[in-house]
Amino acid sequence: MTTMLQLVQQVTAELGVSTPSSVAGNASQDVIQILALMNATGYELMTVHKWRALTKPYRFTTSFTTTTGTWTTAASTITAIPSTTGLDTTYMAVGTGINQDTFISSVDSSTQVTLTQAPSAAGTAAAVTFSKTQYSLPSDYESLVPRTMWSKTDHWELMGPEDAQQWEWLLSGYISTGPRIRWRLYGSYFQIWPPSSTAKYLGFEYRSTGWALSAASAVKTSFTVDTDTCIYPDRLMVLSTKLKYFEAKGFDTTAMYRNYIIELEASEAQDMSAANLSFAPKPGQILVGYDNIPDSGYGS
């Protein structure tokens, strides 16, 4: 694959400016600017097309802890928990006397947590389940691919995304649970409902911000090292960087823009295949019908 250094060298050679032997750490103003413009190209191309190489799967298993604790209606704490290891504010508490939509507000010690609201009934050494309902998005998350959210365990599509009003109804209503898992994006979390007391394998596809790659194929969001590569076609990177260079210098960009658009459209067309479309679509005959029943021998 073509490295960042090679791409910059191609750009400088076509622009007729001094061609560098290295880019990272180079003090030349032209090289610094060209690298910045090439990174800007990487950021912008990420959003103009659903690049195949930026679509990734994300899988996780729901987490929960079933344990015991003691609580009263006079305080928002659960004490005498055998262990609070692994618990945090992304966990919801579920138990007799613990109101719906009650999360952990803080983990106070190895045996105590504070809740977001006080219980409505007391419990002594009572069963409580801490169920994680908020899961961090991938570190290179840019956007979700619609309708790819599934419970692999249940073989059901997750229902969502729910809007804020629907979500508050789920958290607060009398009848708001069922066999299907619902989801929404909440801040930097993928949030699910209802809280689960069994391990379920969930997943979805998302679009990554990691358009650059290190020499060891580690995902990056910018060019920083001469040996970095990227997922975009080389010629598209070169033409876009040249266009941005001309724009920055105040030169006429008519020819540069035409060349860039032609390359962009060709790259987008070649990046993914498309379905064959028919002017007279007809459903396939996969069951017994007039087209495939025999003329005789029905009883044999």
Foldseek 3Di string as FASTA:
>chain_A
DDFPLNLQQVLCVVVVHDRDPFQFPDPDPVSVLLQVLLLVVLQVVLPPAQFPVQKDKDKDKWDKDKFWFWFAQVFQKTFQTQFCPPDAQQWAKDDVQAAFPKTFPGDDDGTMTGIPHGGRHTDHRGIMMTTGFWAADDPFFDFFDPQFKDFPQVRDGADDDDDPVLVVCLRDPPDNDDDHKHWHDDPRTIGIDDGDPDIIMIMGMGGGCQQKAAPVRDGDNGDNGRRIDGDADSVLSSLSSSLVVCVVVVHDNPVSVVVNVVVVVVRNPVRDDDDDDDPDDDDDDPDDDPVDDDPDDPPD
